[in-house]
């Protein structure tokens, strides 16, 4: 009986160590719209502010990238903020 318990304990320990030693799967970060989220060291290039003529008024649109955290493996998560304001057309 003691030999069976010792054998089963050894098998369980071996299986546990083998499972922990297996290679891990690299995470895959993706977005449905990659223009809104970016994973990487440096921020993507920002576009200059844009003025859109909407008929009776104009809309000033600017976009800025900001750090929004880190991935579990230490990469920086960048997200885009859009700022809109109504301005008179000239």
Protein backbone atom coordinates (compact mmCIF):
# COMPACT_ATOMS: atom_id res chain seq x y z
CA UNK A 1 0.00 0.00 0.00
CA UNK A 2 2.81 2.37 0.93
CA UNK A 3 4.55 1.67 -2.40
CA UNK A 4 1.37 2.49 -4.35
CA UNK A 5 0.95 5.83 -2.55
CA UNK A 6 4.61 6.66 -3.12
CA UNK A 7 4.34 5.71 -6.81
CA UNK A 8 1.16 7.78 -7.33
CA UNK A 9 2.76 10.74 -5.54
CA UNK A 10 5.80 10.52 -7.83
CA UNK A 11 3.60 10.37 -10.93
CA UNK A 12 1.57 13.37 -9.75
CA UNK A 13 4.71 15.39 -8.98
CA UNK A 14 6.23 14.52 -12.38
CA UNK A 15 3.04 15.48 -14.22
CA UNK A 16 2.83 18.79 -12.33
CA UNK A 17 6.44 19.69 -13.11
CA UNK A 18 6.04 18.73 -16.77
CA UNK A 19 2.95 20.94 -17.08
CA UNK A 20 4.68 23.93 -15.49
CA UNK A 21 7.80 23.50 -17.61
CA UNK A 22 5.87 23.58 -20.91
CA UNK A 23 6.36 26.68 -23.04
CA UNK A 24 3.78 29.40 -22.63
CA UNK A 25 1.70 30.85 -25.45
CA UNK A 26 2.64 34.40 -26.41
CA UNK A 27 -0.32 36.77 -25.99
CA UNK A 28 -1.88 38.23 -29.10
CA UNK A 29 -3.29 41.73 -28.68
CA UNK A 30 -5.56 42.99 -31.40
CA UNK A 31 -8.29 45.52 -31.99
CA UNK A 32 -11.25 45.56 -34.35
CA UNK A 33 -10.04 49.04 -35.39
CA UNK A 34 -6.21 49.33 -35.21
CA UNK A 35 -6.43 53.12 -35.65
CA UNK A 36 -7.80 53.38 -32.09
CA UNK A 37 -5.28 51.17 -30.24
CA UNK A 38 -1.57 50.47 -30.72
CA UNK A 39 0.85 48.19 -28.84
CA UNK A 40 4.50 49.22 -28.87
CA UNK A 41 7.34 51.18 -27.36
CA UNK A 42 6.83 54.55 -29.09
CA UNK A 43 3.59 56.37 -29.82
CA UNK A 44 2.36 56.42 -33.42
CA UNK A 45 2.72 59.68 -35.33
CA UNK A 46 -0.04 62.19 -34.62
CA UNK A 47 -1.93 63.85 -37.47
CA UNK A 48 -2.20 67.66 -37.46
CA UNK A 49 -5.53 69.20 -36.43
CA UNK A 50 -8.13 69.22 -39.20
CA UNK A 51 -10.98 71.66 -39.89
CA UNK A 52 -14.08 70.13 -41.50
CA UNK A 53 -16.70 72.31 -43.19
CA UNK A 54 -20.13 70.94 -42.28
CA UNK A 55 -22.22 73.59 -44.01
CA UNK A 56 -23.49 76.06 -41.40
CA UNK A 57 -20.47 75.54 -39.10
CA UNK A 58 -17.02 73.99 -39.08
CA UNK A 59 -15.65 71.30 -36.84
CA UNK A 60 -12.09 71.37 -35.55
CA UNK A 61 -10.84 67.76 -35.05
CA UNK A 62 -7.59 66.85 -33.30
CA UNK A 63 -6.33 63.45 -32.20
CA UNK A 64 -3.79 62.61 -29.49
CA UNK A 65 -2.22 59.27 -28.47
CA UNK A 66 -1.95 58.51 -24.75
CA UNK A 67 -0.45 55.69 -22.68
CA UNK A 68 -3.29 53.56 -21.37
CA UNK A 69 -1.38 50.90 -19.45
CA UNK A 70 0.91 47.96 -20.06
CA UNK A 71 0.36 44.44 -21.33
CA UNK A 72 1.21 41.52 -19.03
CA UNK A 73 4.50 41.11 -20.91
CA UNK A 74 5.48 44.78 -20.41
CA UNK A 75 4.55 46.38 -23.76
CA UNK A 76 2.95 49.83 -23.74
CA UNK A 77 -0.72 50.16 -24.75
CA UNK A 78 -1.47 53.39 -26.66
CA UNK A 79 -5.04 54.59 -27.21
CA UNK A 80 -6.25 57.51 -29.30
CA UNK A 81 -8.36 60.37 -27.96
CA UNK A 82 -10.30 62.55 -30.41
CA UNK A 83 -11.16 66.15 -29.57
CA UNK A 84 -13.88 67.97 -31.50
CA UNK A 85 -15.03 71.57 -31.20
CA UNK A 86 -17.41 73.71 -33.27
CA UNK A 87 -15.72 76.77 -34.76
CA UNK A 88 -16.90 79.45 -37.18
CA UNK A 89 -16.04 78.87 -40.83
CA UNK A 90 -13.84 81.50 -42.47
